[in-house]
Amino acid sequence: MSERATTVEGVRRTNLGEVLRLVHHSGPRSRAVITAETGLNRSTVSDLVSRLAEAGLVDEHDPDPTRRVGRPSPIVAPSRDVVAIGINPEIDAVEVGAVSLGGVVRRRARVAVTRPDVDEVIDVVARVVDGWSGDLQGCRVIGAGVAVPGLVRMADGIVRLAPHLGWRDAEIGGPLSAALGLPVAVGNDASYGARAERLFGAAREHADVVYLNGGASGIGGGLILHGQLIGGAGGYAGEWGQTAACIADARDRRVDDGVLEDEVNRARLLASAGLGGADDDELALALADSSAVQASEEAARQRRILAATLRNAVNVLNPSMIVLGGFLAVLRDLDRKSFDEAVRAQALAAPSEGLQLASAALGADRLLIGAADAAFDRLLADPLAPAPFLTA
């Protein structure tokens, strides 16, 4: 094959990935809109869409019948039958989701298990995915992503440390890939949460975002600057829970020399509400009960510390949005207005101008969607490249 042919084919594959990524991340749109947004000419877009449709990666629908002006253009949508598996192992359960192109969760399961090791997680995931074979009949499952509550080395996906799970220098990607017969991506849970909220959730319109996720294992975070997820030199950036807590009143301190996740802590909230275990919705109901004095006081204490600590993110990074997920969103949602005002009031005036705060829009699905989106990377880079996949 000539160098020119190779180059032309390379450009075609790049353009196929650009169109597929556009409808995956930005939603269904007409061929006319795709032409305008990509800058490609109309005939090129028509060819690319046809190729993607032939490969089963997009579907074309009739245009809006109410449109009266001009020639109608078919609507191009990501195929719901192209699926990736999102996985989030936590100290009390393993959550698994089947996520279609477009960030739609088709199926999800939560399997209760206490501090699972790698082998237990793989066993749970394999059983869940096998059990979904009927519900995903006809689907093309192209890969899996694992959102780990810990430090994950970017270069090879090794979990350097997930302290609450008891994992150290653990490899889950390779063994899980062998068990499923699929490529597997592994990353930090909060970084994947940030990715999901930036692409599909509360921060879709923002390029500079700080995301904090509060879960059973503590507080993690993600950072997006100029639209790019920032991993740092090794992939460990965003460990907000390990930063020093800002405590103005010494009476609010519970742990000497403690870090943020020692003070702003899900287990403390559950204990104050008299809950042995609960999901975030149940926790929110308990904390909203005005008659539960101890729970109200503990929530107020944690809100003060969290708001004061977030000023550092505002002052150092100047984000346009801060997104809180998990139990951190529960704390904010007790009184969004006063919490947001407290963050802005304690930050410098200039970087807090225009700052928006939001609770994660994707709720309990955020980590599964983010992990699945990482699994889609290989497909989006070269939609027509041969790759392992399962046909359910």
Foldseek 3Di string as FASTA:
>chain_A
DDPVVVVVVLVLQLVLLVLLVCCLQPNKDFLVVVCVVVVPDSVSSVVSLVVCVVVVQWDWDFADPVDDDDDGTIIIHGHQQEWEKEWEDDQFWIKIFTAGRNGRTPDIDTGTDGLDDLVVNLVVHLVVVVVCCVVSFQGWYAYYFYAYQAFAFPVQRFGCDLPSSPDHRDDNQVVSCVSVVHHYHYAHLQLLLVVLCCRPRDNVPFQWEWEWEQDQSFIWIWTGHRNRTDQPPGRGPTRQQQAAWDDPDPVLDDDVRHGLRVRLDPVLLCVLLVHPDDFLVVSLVSCLPPVSVSNVVSLVSNLLRVLLSCLVVLQPRLTLEYEYEGNVLSSCVSDVVVSLVSNCVNHDVVSSVNRYYYYIGVHPCSSRSSRRVVSCPVCSSGVPDDGTIDRD
